[in-house]
Amino acid sequence: MKDLQKRVAQFVADNGMDTKPEFRALDLVSEVGEVAKEILKMTDYGRAAAKPREEIKSELGDVLFALTALADSLDVDLEEALEMVLGKYTKRLEKGSAGSESDQS
């Protein structure tokens, strides 16, 4: 994952795409919305089982780029963040559920 972050950071730098974290966060939310929109299309707006469309790859790629650029702008190592989250979910599962209600003790 470090290679992915380096690659995105270099792309951003090479193309003059540096911006503030708050704009990166807005971009990420917008891209996640595009994924949701694509899923609505894939399910005929909830009326059918998902029929994958090629467009979902591009939308997920946009989310990955936006998330990676946001992490870089906040100096967050995504690999380290993922390890933290996996540990959190492991503890929750040991309590019986992956949901945040397992954090209540």
Protein backbone atom coordinates (compact mmCIF):
# COMPACT_ATOMS: atom_id res chain seq x y z
CA MET A 1 0.00 0.00 0.00
CA LYS A 2 2.95 2.30 0.59
CA ASP A 3 3.75 2.03 -3.13
CA LEU A 4 0.19 3.05 -3.94
CA GLN A 5 0.44 6.10 -1.70
CA LYS A 6 3.78 7.08 -3.18
CA ARG A 7 2.40 6.69 -6.69
CA VAL A 8 -0.64 8.87 -6.01
CA ALA A 9 1.46 11.48 -4.16
CA GLN A 10 3.86 11.67 -7.10
CA PHE A 11 0.99 11.97 -9.58
CA VAL A 12 -0.57 14.77 -7.54
CA ALA A 13 2.77 16.59 -7.28
CA ASP A 14 3.65 16.11 -10.95
CA ASN A 15 0.29 17.47 -12.08
CA GLY A 16 -0.05 20.41 -9.70
CA MET A 17 -3.04 18.86 -7.95
CA ASP A 18 -2.06 19.72 -4.38
CA THR A 19 -4.95 21.00 -2.30
CA LYS A 20 -6.11 21.28 1.29
CA PRO A 21 -7.37 18.20 3.18
CA GLU A 22 -10.85 19.66 3.49
CA PHE A 23 -11.15 19.76 -0.31
CA ARG A 24 -9.77 16.23 -0.51
CA ALA A 25 -12.46 15.12 1.96
CA LEU A 26 -15.18 16.73 -0.13
CA ASP A 27 -13.79 15.04 -3.24
CA LEU A 28 -13.85 11.67 -1.47
CA VAL A 29 -17.47 12.10 -0.40
CA SER A 30 -18.40 13.11 -3.94
CA GLU A 31 -16.68 10.04 -5.38
CA VAL A 32 -18.39 7.72 -2.88
CA GLY A 33 -21.66 9.27 -4.03
CA GLU A 34 -20.76 8.33 -7.60
CA VAL A 35 -20.24 4.72 -6.47
CA ALA A 36 -23.66 4.74 -4.82
CA LYS A 37 -25.21 6.17 -7.98
CA GLU A 38 -23.58 3.43 -10.06
CA ILE A 39 -24.87 0.75 -7.68
CA LEU A 40 -28.37 2.20 -8.00
CA LYS A 41 -28.06 1.82 -11.76
CA MET A 42 -26.70 -1.73 -11.36
CA THR A 43 -29.76 -2.69 -9.27
CA ASP A 44 -32.33 -0.81 -11.33
CA TYR A 45 -32.76 1.48 -8.34
CA GLY A 46 -33.18 -1.37 -5.89
CA ARG A 47 -35.62 -3.39 -7.94
CA ALA A 48 -33.21 -6.13 -9.00
CA ALA A 49 -30.07 -7.96 -7.97
CA ALA A 50 -26.89 -6.11 -8.84
CA LYS A 51 -25.73 -6.59 -12.42
CA PRO A 52 -22.12 -5.39 -12.44
CA ARG A 53 -21.30 -2.75 -15.00
CA GLU A 54 -17.83 -1.85 -16.24
CA GLU A 55 -18.31 1.70 -14.94
CA ILE A 56 -18.05 0.55 -11.30
CA LYS A 57 -14.30 -0.04 -11.76
CA SER A 58 -13.70 3.57 -12.70
CA GLU A 59 -15.87 4.86 -9.86
CA LEU A 60 -14.08 2.68 -7.30
CA GLY A 61 -10.77 3.81 -8.77
CA ASP A 62 -11.85 7.41 -8.23
CA VAL A 63 -12.66 6.61 -4.58
CA LEU A 64 -9.29 4.92 -4.09
CA PHE A 65 -7.47 7.87 -5.62
CA ALA A 66 -9.43 10.39 -3.54
CA LEU A 67 -8.90 8.41 -0.31
CA THR A 68 -5.21 7.97 -0.99
CA ALA A 69 -4.73 11.65 -1.83
CA LEU A 70 -6.62 12.61 1.35
CA ALA A 71 -4.46 10.31 3.46
CA ASP A 72 -1.34 11.80 1.93
CA SER A 73 -2.54 15.35 2.56
CA LEU A 74 -2.99 14.43 6.24
CA ASP A 75 0.29 12.49 6.42
CA VAL A 76 -1.57 9.26 7.25
CA ASP A 77 0.01 5.93 6.37
CA LEU A 78 -2.93 3.93 4.99
CA GLU A 79 -1.25 0.61 5.69
CA GLU A 80 -0.85 1.57 9.35
CA ALA A 81 -4.44 2.84 9.46
CA LEU A 82 -5.70 -0.44 7.99
CA GLU A 83 -3.79 -2.47 10.56
CA MET A 84 -5.38 -0.38 13.34
CA VAL A 85 -8.85 -0.96 11.92
CA LEU A 86 -8.33 -4.69 11.46
CA GLY A 87 -7.29 -4.88 15.11
CA LYS A 88 -10.40 -2.96 16.13
CA TYR A 89 -12.66 -5.31 14.15
CA THR A 90 -10.89 -8.36 15.54
CA LYS A 91 -11.64 -7.17 19.08
CA ARG A 92 -15.26 -6.48 18.17
CA LEU A 93 -15.65 -9.92 16.61
CA GLU A 94 -14.27 -11.50 19.76
CA LYS A 95 -17.16 -9.79 21.56
CA GLY A 96 -19.62 -11.25 19.07
CA SER A 97 -20.13 -8.67 16.31
CA ALA A 98 -18.14 -6.51 13.91
CA GLY A 99 -20.51 -3.61 14.56
CA SER A 100 -19.62 -0.64 16.73
CA GLU A 101 -22.16 -1.77 19.33
CA SER A 102 -19.46 -4.24 20.41
CA ASP A 103 -17.40 -1.29 21.65
CA GLN A 104 -19.90 -0.84 24.49
CA SER A 105 -18.79 -2.66 27.61
